[in-house]
mmCIF file of all heavy atoms, coordinates in Angstrom:
data_MODEL
# 
_entry.id   MODEL 
# 
loop_
_atom_site.group_PDB 
_atom_site.id 
_atom_site.type_symbol 
_atom_site.label_atom_id 
_atom_site.label_alt_id 
_atom_site.label_comp_id 
_atom_site.label_asym_id 
_atom_site.label_entity_id 
_atom_site.label_seq_id 
_atom_site.pdbx_PDB_ins_code 
_atom_site.Cartn_x 
_atom_site.Cartn_y 
_atom_site.Cartn_z 
_atom_site.occupancy 
_atom_site.B_iso_or_equiv 
_atom_site.pdbx_formal_charge 
_atom_site.auth_seq_id 
_atom_site.auth_comp_id 
_atom_site.auth_asym_id 
_atom_site.auth_atom_id 
_atom_site.pdbx_PDB_model_num 
ATOM 1   N N   . THR A 1 1  ? -1.813  14.485 -9.668  1.00 0.00 ? 1  THR A N   1 
ATOM 2   C CA  . THR A 1 1  ? -1.368  15.046 -8.293  1.00 0.00 ? 1  THR A CA  1 
ATOM 3   C C   . THR A 1 1  ? -0.731  16.396 -8.539  1.00 0.00 ? 1  THR A C   1 
ATOM 4   O O   . THR A 1 1  ? -0.241  16.830 -9.599  1.00 0.00 ? 1  THR A O   1 
ATOM 5   C CB  . THR A 1 1  ? -0.348  14.043 -7.773  1.00 0.00 ? 1  THR A CB  1 
ATOM 6   O OG1 . THR A 1 1  ? 0.928   14.098 -8.710  1.00 0.00 ? 1  THR A OG1 1 
ATOM 7   C CG2 . THR A 1 1  ? -0.751  12.709 -7.494  1.00 0.00 ? 1  THR A CG2 1 
ATOM 8   N N   . LEU A 1 2  ? -0.725  17.261 -7.418  1.00 0.00 ? 2  LEU A N   1 
ATOM 9   C CA  . LEU A 1 2  ? -0.119  18.592 -7.423  1.00 0.00 ? 2  LEU A CA  1 
ATOM 10  C C   . LEU A 1 2  ? 0.726   18.667 -6.255  1.00 0.00 ? 2  LEU A C   1 
ATOM 11  O O   . LEU A 1 2  ? 0.382   18.228 -5.194  1.00 0.00 ? 2  LEU A O   1 
ATOM 12  C CB  . LEU A 1 2  ? -1.304  19.544 -7.333  1.00 0.00 ? 2  LEU A CB  1 
ATOM 13  C CG  . LEU A 1 2  ? -2.413  19.531 -8.366  1.00 0.00 ? 2  LEU A CG  1 
ATOM 14  C CD1 . LEU A 1 2  ? -3.632  20.366 -7.959  1.00 0.00 ? 2  LEU A CD1 1 
ATOM 15  C CD2 . LEU A 1 2  ? -1.912  20.149 -9.653  1.00 0.00 ? 2  LEU A CD2 1 
ATOM 16  N N   . THR A 1 3  ? 1.876   19.410 -6.450  1.00 0.00 ? 3  THR A N   1 
ATOM 17  C CA  . THR A 1 3  ? 2.796   19.537 -5.327  1.00 0.00 ? 3  THR A CA  1 
ATOM 18  C C   . THR A 1 3  ? 3.198   21.019 -5.379  1.00 0.00 ? 3  THR A C   1 
ATOM 19  O O   . THR A 1 3  ? 3.501   21.522 -6.352  1.00 0.00 ? 3  THR A O   1 
ATOM 20  C CB  . THR A 1 3  ? 4.073   18.806 -5.365  1.00 0.00 ? 3  THR A CB  1 
ATOM 21  O OG1 . THR A 1 3  ? 3.638   17.373 -5.666  1.00 0.00 ? 3  THR A OG1 1 
ATOM 22  C CG2 . THR A 1 3  ? 4.900   18.920 -4.147  1.00 0.00 ? 3  THR A CG2 1 
ATOM 23  N N   . PHE A 1 4  ? 3.047   21.724 -4.201  1.00 0.00 ? 4  PHE A N   1 
ATOM 24  C CA  . PHE A 1 4  ? 3.353   23.212 -4.044  1.00 0.00 ? 4  PHE A CA  1 
ATOM 25  C C   . PHE A 1 4  ? 4.573   23.374 -3.320  1.00 0.00 ? 4  PHE A C   1 
ATOM 26  O O   . PHE A 1 4  ? 4.915   22.710 -2.314  1.00 0.00 ? 4  PHE A O   1 
ATOM 27  C CB  . PHE A 1 4  ? 2.136   23.851 -3.307  1.00 0.00 ? 4  PHE A CB  1 
ATOM 28  C CG  . PHE A 1 4  ? 0.827   23.793 -3.979  1.00 0.00 ? 4  PHE A CG  1 
ATOM 29  C CD1 . PHE A 1 4  ? 0.140   22.541 -3.962  1.00 0.00 ? 4  PHE A CD1 1 
ATOM 30  C CD2 . PHE A 1 4  ? 0.469   24.641 -4.959  1.00 0.00 ? 4  PHE A CD2 1 
ATOM 31  C CE1 . PHE A 1 4  ? -1.155  22.487 -4.680  1.00 0.00 ? 4  PHE A CE1 1 
ATOM 32  C CE2 . PHE A 1 4  ? -0.775  24.688 -5.569  1.00 0.00 ? 4  PHE A CE2 1 
ATOM 33  C CZ  . PHE A 1 4  ? -1.556  23.489 -5.564  1.00 0.00 ? 4  PHE A CZ  1 
ATOM 34  N N   . TYR A 1 5  ? 5.294   24.489 -3.685  1.00 0.00 ? 5  TYR A N   1 
ATOM 35  C CA  . TYR A 1 5  ? 6.641   24.770 -3.103  1.00 0.00 ? 5  TYR A CA  1 
ATOM 36  C C   . TYR A 1 5  ? 6.780   26.293 -2.879  1.00 0.00 ? 5  TYR A C   1 
ATOM 37  O O   . TYR A 1 5  ? 6.073   27.022 -3.571  1.00 0.00 ? 5  TYR A O   1 
ATOM 38  C CB  . TYR A 1 5  ? 7.829   24.389 -4.003  1.00 0.00 ? 5  TYR A CB  1 
ATOM 39  C CG  . TYR A 1 5  ? 7.776   22.834 -4.408  1.00 0.00 ? 5  TYR A CG  1 
ATOM 40  C CD1 . TYR A 1 5  ? 7.153   22.386 -5.402  1.00 0.00 ? 5  TYR A CD1 1 
ATOM 41  C CD2 . TYR A 1 5  ? 8.525   21.982 -3.483  1.00 0.00 ? 5  TYR A CD2 1 
ATOM 42  C CE1 . TYR A 1 5  ? 7.153   20.994 -5.729  1.00 0.00 ? 5  TYR A CE1 1 
ATOM 43  C CE2 . TYR A 1 5  ? 8.580   20.627 -3.814  1.00 0.00 ? 5  TYR A CE2 1 
ATOM 44  C CZ  . TYR A 1 5  ? 7.917   20.252 -4.922  1.00 0.00 ? 5  TYR A CZ  1 
ATOM 45  O OH  . TYR A 1 5  ? 8.032   18.824 -5.376  1.00 0.00 ? 5  TYR A OH  1 
ATOM 46  N N   . ALA A 1 6  ? 7.582   26.706 -1.845  1.00 0.00 ? 6  ALA A N   1 
ATOM 47  C CA  . ALA A 1 6  ? 7.911   28.087 -1.684  1.00 0.00 ? 6  ALA A CA  1 
ATOM 48  C C   . ALA A 1 6  ? 9.275   28.116 -1.129  1.00 0.00 ? 6  ALA A C   1 
ATOM 49  O O   . ALA A 1 6  ? 9.829   27.211 -0.613  1.00 0.00 ? 6  ALA A O   1 
ATOM 50  C CB  . ALA A 1 6  ? 6.944   28.689 -0.663  1.00 0.00 ? 6  ALA A CB  1 
ATOM 51  N N   . GLY A 1 7  ? 10.022  29.218 -1.530  1.00 0.00 ? 7  GLY A N   1 
ATOM 52  C CA  . GLY A 1 7  ? 11.417  29.405 -1.126  1.00 0.00 ? 7  GLY A CA  1 
ATOM 53  C C   . GLY A 1 7  ? 11.992  30.705 -1.589  1.00 0.00 ? 7  GLY A C   1 
ATOM 54  O O   . GLY A 1 7  ? 11.350  31.510 -2.293  1.00 0.00 ? 7  GLY A O   1 
ATOM 55  N N   . LEU A 1 8  ? 13.310  30.860 -1.207  1.00 0.00 ? 8  LEU A N   1 
ATOM 56  C CA  . LEU A 1 8  ? 14.075  32.059 -1.667  1.00 0.00 ? 8  LEU A CA  1 
ATOM 57  C C   . LEU A 1 8  ? 14.671  31.956 -2.886  1.00 0.00 ? 8  LEU A C   1 
ATOM 58  O O   . LEU A 1 8  ? 15.045  32.878 -3.503  1.00 0.00 ? 8  LEU A O   1 
ATOM 59  C CB  . LEU A 1 8  ? 14.959  32.536 -0.553  1.00 0.00 ? 8  LEU A CB  1 
ATOM 60  C CG  . LEU A 1 8  ? 14.436  33.084 0.717   1.00 0.00 ? 8  LEU A CG  1 
ATOM 61  C CD1 . LEU A 1 8  ? 15.437  33.336 1.840   1.00 0.00 ? 8  LEU A CD1 1 
ATOM 62  C CD2 . LEU A 1 8  ? 13.767  34.497 0.437   1.00 0.00 ? 8  LEU A CD2 1 
ATOM 63  N N   . SER A 1 9  ? 14.836  30.737 -3.276  1.00 0.00 ? 9  SER A N   1 
ATOM 64  C CA  . SER A 1 9  ? 15.592  30.475 -4.656  1.00 0.00 ? 9  SER A CA  1 
ATOM 65  C C   . SER A 1 9  ? 15.236  29.125 -5.175  1.00 0.00 ? 9  SER A C   1 
ATOM 66  O O   . SER A 1 9  ? 14.592  28.339 -4.361  1.00 0.00 ? 9  SER A O   1 
ATOM 67  C CB  . SER A 1 9  ? 17.158  30.565 -4.481  1.00 0.00 ? 9  SER A CB  1 
ATOM 68  O OG  . SER A 1 9  ? 17.640  29.357 -3.733  1.00 0.00 ? 9  SER A OG  1 
ATOM 69  N N   . ASN A 1 10 ? 15.494  28.948 -6.455  1.00 0.00 ? 10 ASN A N   1 
ATOM 70  C CA  . ASN A 1 10 ? 15.149  27.647 -7.092  1.00 0.00 ? 10 ASN A CA  1 
ATOM 71  C C   . ASN A 1 10 ? 15.871  26.482 -6.350  1.00 0.00 ? 10 ASN A C   1 
ATOM 72  O O   . ASN A 1 10 ? 15.455  25.409 -6.436  1.00 0.00 ? 10 ASN A O   1 
ATOM 73  C CB  . ASN A 1 10 ? 15.513  27.731 -8.624  1.00 0.00 ? 10 ASN A CB  1 
ATOM 74  C CG  . ASN A 1 10 ? 14.349  28.426 -9.320  1.00 0.00 ? 10 ASN A CG  1 
ATOM 75  O OD1 . ASN A 1 10 ? 13.192  28.309 -9.033  1.00 0.00 ? 10 ASN A OD1 1 
ATOM 76  N ND2 . ASN A 1 10 ? 14.865  29.382 -10.278 1.00 0.00 ? 10 ASN A ND2 1 
ATOM 77  N N   . ASP A 1 11 ? 17.057  26.731 -5.754  1.00 0.00 ? 11 ASP A N   1 
ATOM 78  C CA  . ASP A 1 11 ? 17.805  25.738 -4.987  1.00 0.00 ? 11 ASP A CA  1 
ATOM 79  C C   . ASP A 1 11 ? 17.427  25.631 -3.606  1.00 0.00 ? 11 ASP A C   1 
ATOM 80  O O   . ASP A 1 11 ? 17.885  24.670 -2.967  1.00 0.00 ? 11 ASP A O   1 
ATOM 81  C CB  . ASP A 1 11 ? 19.347  26.069 -5.198  1.00 0.00 ? 11 ASP A CB  1 
ATOM 82  C CG  . ASP A 1 11 ? 19.813  26.172 -6.575  1.00 0.00 ? 11 ASP A CG  1 
ATOM 83  O OD1 . ASP A 1 11 ? 19.394  25.404 -7.447  1.00 0.00 ? 11 ASP A OD1 1 
ATOM 84  O OD2 . ASP A 1 11 ? 20.753  26.960 -6.851  1.00 0.00 ? 11 ASP A OD2 1 
ATOM 85  N N   . MET A 1 12 ? 16.485  26.339 -3.125  1.00 0.00 ? 12 MET A N   1 
ATOM 86  C CA  . MET A 1 12 ? 16.108  26.329 -1.746  1.00 0.00 ? 12 MET A CA  1 
ATOM 87  C C   . MET A 1 12 ? 14.594  26.376 -1.639  1.00 0.00 ? 12 MET A C   1 
ATOM 88  O O   . MET A 1 12 ? 13.996  27.445 -1.229  1.00 0.00 ? 12 MET A O   1 
ATOM 89  C CB  . MET A 1 12 ? 16.834  27.413 -0.792  1.00 0.00 ? 12 MET A CB  1 
ATOM 90  C CG  . MET A 1 12 ? 16.640  27.198 0.611   1.00 0.00 ? 12 MET A CG  1 
ATOM 91  S SD  . MET A 1 12 ? 17.449  28.566 1.369   1.00 0.00 ? 12 MET A SD  1 
ATOM 92  C CE  . MET A 1 12 ? 19.176  28.261 1.165   1.00 0.00 ? 12 MET A CE  1 
ATOM 93  N N   . LEU A 1 13 ? 13.877  25.508 -2.244  1.00 0.00 ? 13 LEU A N   1 
ATOM 94  C CA  . LEU A 1 13 ? 12.439  25.457 -2.138  1.00 0.00 ? 13 LEU A CA  1 
ATOM 95  C C   . LEU A 1 13 ? 11.832  24.364 -1.175  1.00 0.00 ? 13 LEU A C   1 
ATOM 96  O O   . LEU A 1 13 ? 12.283  23.329 -1.234  1.00 0.00 ? 13 LEU A O   1 
ATOM 97  C CB  . LEU A 1 13 ? 11.868  25.114 -3.632  1.00 0.00 ? 13 LEU A CB  1 
ATOM 98  C CG  . LEU A 1 13 ? 11.979  26.199 -4.641  1.00 0.00 ? 13 LEU A CG  1 
ATOM 99  C CD1 . LEU A 1 13 ? 11.480  25.761 -6.024  1.00 0.00 ? 13 LEU A CD1 1 
ATOM 100 C CD2 . LEU A 1 13 ? 11.345  27.462 -4.273  1.00 0.00 ? 13 LEU A CD2 1 
ATOM 101 N N   . TYR A 1 14 ? 10.919  24.806 -0.378  1.00 0.00 ? 14 TYR A N   1 
ATOM 102 C CA  . TYR A 1 14 ? 10.367  23.833 0.590   1.00 0.00 ? 14 TYR A CA  1 
ATOM 103 C C   . TYR A 1 14 ? 8.864   23.392 0.049   1.00 0.00 ? 14 TYR A C   1 
ATOM 104 O O   . TYR A 1 14 ? 8.093   24.230 -0.375  1.00 0.00 ? 14 TYR A O   1 
ATOM 105 C CB  . TYR A 1 14 ? 10.200  24.524 1.931   1.00 0.00 ? 14 TYR A CB  1 
ATOM 106 C CG  . TYR A 1 14 ? 11.532  25.156 2.425   1.00 0.00 ? 14 TYR A CG  1 
ATOM 107 C CD1 . TYR A 1 14 ? 11.854  26.481 2.218   1.00 0.00 ? 14 TYR A CD1 1 
ATOM 108 C CD2 . TYR A 1 14 ? 12.403  24.390 3.129   1.00 0.00 ? 14 TYR A CD2 1 
ATOM 109 C CE1 . TYR A 1 14 ? 13.023  26.955 2.634   1.00 0.00 ? 14 TYR A CE1 1 
ATOM 110 C CE2 . TYR A 1 14 ? 13.569  24.923 3.632   1.00 0.00 ? 14 TYR A CE2 1 
ATOM 111 C CZ  . TYR A 1 14 ? 13.873  26.117 3.415   1.00 0.00 ? 14 TYR A CZ  1 
ATOM 112 O OH  . TYR A 1 14 ? 15.206  26.683 3.825   1.00 0.00 ? 14 TYR A OH  1 
ATOM 113 N N   . GLN A 1 15 ? 8.658   22.209 0.215   1.00 0.00 ? 15 GLN A N   1 
ATOM 114 C CA  . GLN A 1 15 ? 7.264   21.670 -0.089  1.00 0.00 ? 15 GLN A CA  1 
ATOM 115 C C   . GLN A 1 15 ? 6.314   22.281 0.979   1.00 0.00 ? 15 GLN A C   1 
ATOM 116 O O   . GLN A 1 15 ? 6.491   22.067 2.153   1.00 0.00 ? 15 GLN A O   1 
ATOM 117 C CB  . GLN A 1 15 ? 7.166   20.276 -0.189  1.00 0.00 ? 15 GLN A CB  1 
ATOM 118 C CG  . GLN A 1 15 ? 5.842   19.621 -0.613  1.00 0.00 ? 15 GLN A CG  1 
ATOM 119 C CD  . GLN A 1 15 ? 5.927   18.038 -0.823  1.00 0.00 ? 15 GLN A CD  1 
ATOM 120 O OE1 . GLN A 1 15 ? 6.933   17.666 -1.239  1.00 0.00 ? 15 GLN A OE1 1 
ATOM 121 N NE2 . GLN A 1 15 ? 4.935   17.422 -0.487  1.00 0.00 ? 15 GLN A NE2 1 
ATOM 122 N N   . VAL A 1 16 ? 5.177   22.714 0.374   1.00 0.00 ? 16 VAL A N   1 
ATOM 123 C CA  . VAL A 1 16 ? 4.120   23.207 1.319   1.00 0.00 ? 16 VAL A CA  1 
ATOM 124 C C   . VAL A 1 16 ? 3.002   22.227 1.297   1.00 0.00 ? 16 VAL A C   1 
ATOM 125 O O   . VAL A 1 16 ? 2.247   22.030 0.337   1.00 0.00 ? 16 VAL A O   1 
ATOM 126 C CB  . VAL A 1 16 ? 3.615   24.604 0.906   1.00 0.00 ? 16 VAL A CB  1 
ATOM 127 C CG1 . VAL A 1 16 ? 2.621   25.145 1.861   1.00 0.00 ? 16 VAL A CG1 1 
ATOM 128 C CG2 . VAL A 1 16 ? 4.771   25.470 0.678   1.00 0.00 ? 16 VAL A CG2 1 
ATOM 129 N N   . GLY A 1 17 ? 2.814   21.571 2.504   1.00 0.00 ? 17 GLY A N   1 
ATOM 130 C CA  . GLY A 1 17 ? 1.791   20.515 2.674   1.00 0.00 ? 17 GLY A CA  1 
ATOM 131 C C   . GLY A 1 17 ? 2.086   19.328 1.872   1.00 0.00 ? 17 GLY A C   1 
ATOM 132 O O   . GLY A 1 17 ? 3.111   18.972 1.223   1.00 0.00 ? 17 GLY A O   1 
ATOM 133 N N   . GLU A 1 18 ? 1.170   18.413 2.006   1.00 0.00 ? 18 GLU A N   1 
ATOM 134 C CA  . GLU A 1 18 ? 1.294   16.995 1.372   1.00 0.00 ? 18 GLU A CA  1 
ATOM 135 C C   . GLU A 1 18 ? 0.924   17.184 -0.131  1.00 0.00 ? 18 GLU A C   1 
ATOM 136 O O   . GLU A 1 18 ? 0.419   18.178 -0.674  1.00 0.00 ? 18 GLU A O   1 
ATOM 137 C CB  . GLU A 1 18 ? 0.343   16.025 1.897   1.00 0.00 ? 18 GLU A CB  1 
ATOM 138 C CG  . GLU A 1 18 ? 0.496   15.730 3.493   1.00 0.00 ? 18 GLU A CG  1 
ATOM 139 C CD  . GLU A 1 18 ? 2.079   15.240 3.703   1.00 0.00 ? 18 GLU A CD  1 
ATOM 140 O OE1 . GLU A 1 18 ? 2.429   14.300 2.916   1.00 0.00 ? 18 GLU A OE1 1 
ATOM 141 O OE2 . GLU A 1 18 ? 2.557   15.489 4.727   1.00 0.00 ? 18 GLU A OE2 1 
ATOM 142 N N   . VAL A 1 19 ? 1.184   16.199 -0.899  1.00 0.00 ? 19 VAL A N   1 
ATOM 143 C CA  . VAL A 1 19 ? 0.887   16.095 -2.368  1.00 0.00 ? 19 VAL A CA  1 
ATOM 144 C C   . VAL A 1 19 ? -0.595  16.086 -2.416  1.00 0.00 ? 19 VAL A C   1 
ATOM 145 O O   . VAL A 1 19 ? -1.358  15.384 -1.690  1.00 0.00 ? 19 VAL A O   1 
ATOM 146 C CB  . VAL A 1 19 ? 1.415   14.896 -3.012  1.00 0.00 ? 19 VAL A CB  1 
ATOM 147 C CG1 . VAL A 1 19 ? 0.891   14.696 -4.412  1.00 0.00 ? 19 VAL A CG1 1 
ATOM 148 C CG2 . VAL A 1 19 ? 2.987   14.924 -3.000  1.00 0.00 ? 19 VAL A CG2 1 
ATOM 149 N N   . GLN A 1 20 ? -1.181  16.951 -3.247  1.00 0.00 ? 20 GLN A N   1 
ATOM 150 C CA  . GLN A 1 20 ? -2.599  17.173 -3.432  1.00 0.00 ? 20 GLN A CA  1 
ATOM 151 C C   . GLN A 1 20 ? -3.221  16.399 -4.712  1.00 0.00 ? 20 GLN A C   1 
ATOM 152 O O   . GLN A 1 20 ? -2.488  16.282 -5.592  1.00 0.00 ? 20 GLN A O   1 
ATOM 153 C CB  . GLN A 1 20 ? -3.039  18.578 -3.509  1.00 0.00 ? 20 GLN A CB  1 
ATOM 154 C CG  . GLN A 1 20 ? -2.551  19.304 -2.208  1.00 0.00 ? 20 GLN A CG  1 
ATOM 155 C CD  . GLN A 1 20 ? -3.253  18.931 -0.977  1.00 0.00 ? 20 GLN A CD  1 
ATOM 156 O OE1 . GLN A 1 20 ? -4.432  18.958 -0.953  1.00 0.00 ? 20 GLN A OE1 1 
ATOM 157 N NE2 . GLN A 1 20 ? -2.522  18.483 0.076   1.00 0.00 ? 20 GLN A NE2 1 
ATOM 158 N N   . SER A 1 21 ? -4.545  16.292 -4.587  1.00 0.00 ? 21 SER A N   1 
ATOM 159 C CA  . SER A 1 21 ? -5.126  15.734 -5.920  1.00 0.00 ? 21 SER A CA  1 
ATOM 160 C C   . SER A 1 21 ? -5.685  16.801 -6.735  1.00 0.00 ? 21 SER A C   1 
ATOM 161 O O   . SER A 1 21 ? -5.856  17.930 -6.231  1.00 0.00 ? 21 SER A O   1 
ATOM 162 C CB  . SER A 1 21 ? -6.379  14.820 -5.309  1.00 0.00 ? 21 SER A CB  1 
ATOM 163 O OG  . SER A 1 21 ? -7.294  14.623 -6.406  1.00 0.00 ? 21 SER A OG  1 
ATOM 164 N N   . VAL A 1 22 ? -5.915  16.488 -7.942  1.00 0.00 ? 22 VAL A N   1 
ATOM 165 C CA  . VAL A 1 22 ? -6.417  17.618 -8.825  1.00 0.00 ? 22 VAL A CA  1 
ATOM 166 C C   . VAL A 1 22 ? -7.977  17.526 -8.762  1.00 0.00 ? 22 VAL A C   1 
ATOM 167 O O   . VAL A 1 22 ? -8.613  18.408 -9.558  1.00 0.00 ? 22 VAL A O   1 
ATOM 168 C CB  . VAL A 1 22 ? -6.028  17.287 -10.350 1.00 0.00 ? 22 VAL A CB  1 
ATOM 169 C CG1 . VAL A 1 22 ? -4.587  17.311 -10.517 1.00 0.00 ? 22 VAL A CG1 1 
ATOM 170 C CG2 . VAL A 1 22 ? -6.621  15.989 -10.834 1.00 0.00 ? 22 VAL A CG2 1 
ATOM 171 N N   . ASP A 1 23 ? -8.602  17.052 -7.851  1.00 0.00 ? 23 ASP A N   1 
ATOM 172 C CA  . ASP A 1 23 ? -10.138 16.862 -7.755  1.00 0.00 ? 23 ASP A CA  1 
ATOM 173 C C   . ASP A 1 23 ? -10.784 18.295 -7.770  1.00 0.00 ? 23 ASP A C   1 
ATOM 174 O O   . ASP A 1 23 ? -11.803 18.451 -8.273  1.00 0.00 ? 23 ASP A O   1 
ATOM 175 C CB  . ASP A 1 23 ? -10.525 16.095 -6.633  1.00 0.00 ? 23 ASP A CB  1 
ATOM 176 C CG  . ASP A 1 23 ? -10.038 16.534 -5.097  1.00 0.00 ? 23 ASP A CG  1 
ATOM 177 O OD1 . ASP A 1 23 ? -9.215  17.511 -5.262  1.00 0.00 ? 23 ASP A OD1 1 
ATOM 178 O OD2 . ASP A 1 23 ? -10.337 15.985 -4.162  1.00 0.00 ? 23 ASP A OD2 1 
ATOM 179 N N   . ALA A 1 24 ? -10.111 19.258 -7.137  1.00 0.00 ? 24 ALA A N   1 
ATOM 180 C CA  . ALA A 1 24 ? -10.711 20.582 -6.856  1.00 0.00 ? 24 ALA A CA  1 
ATOM 181 C C   . ALA A 1 24 ? -10.902 21.308 -8.233  1.00 0.00 ? 24 ALA A C   1 
ATOM 182 O O   . ALA A 1 24 ? -11.730 22.198 -8.460  1.00 0.00 ? 24 ALA A O   1 
ATOM 183 C CB  . ALA A 1 24 ? -10.013 21.458 -5.873  1.00 0.00 ? 24 ALA A CB  1 
ATOM 184 N N   . VAL A 1 25 ? -10.008 20.913 -9.157  1.00 0.00 ? 25 VAL A N   1 
ATOM 185 C CA  . VAL A 1 25 ? -9.952  21.658 -10.567 1.00 0.00 ? 25 VAL A CA  1 
ATOM 186 C C   . VAL A 1 25 ? -10.285 20.813 -11.691 1.00 0.00 ? 25 VAL A C   1 
ATOM 187 O O   . VAL A 1 25 ? -10.000 21.074 -12.718 1.00 0.00 ? 25 VAL A O   1 
ATOM 188 C CB  . VAL A 1 25 ? -8.491  22.394 -10.735 1.00 0.00 ? 25 VAL A CB  1 
ATOM 189 C CG1 . VAL A 1 25 ? -8.342  23.490 -9.674  1.00 0.00 ? 25 VAL A CG1 1 
ATOM 190 C CG2 . VAL A 1 25 ? -7.284  21.328 -10.592 1.00 0.00 ? 25 VAL A CG2 1 
# 
């Protein structure tokens, strides 16, 4: 599984999208 995040600081990261599979890679 892969999970992606974005934010302004390490303490304020938002998950972007649902948890993904590694199938593409």
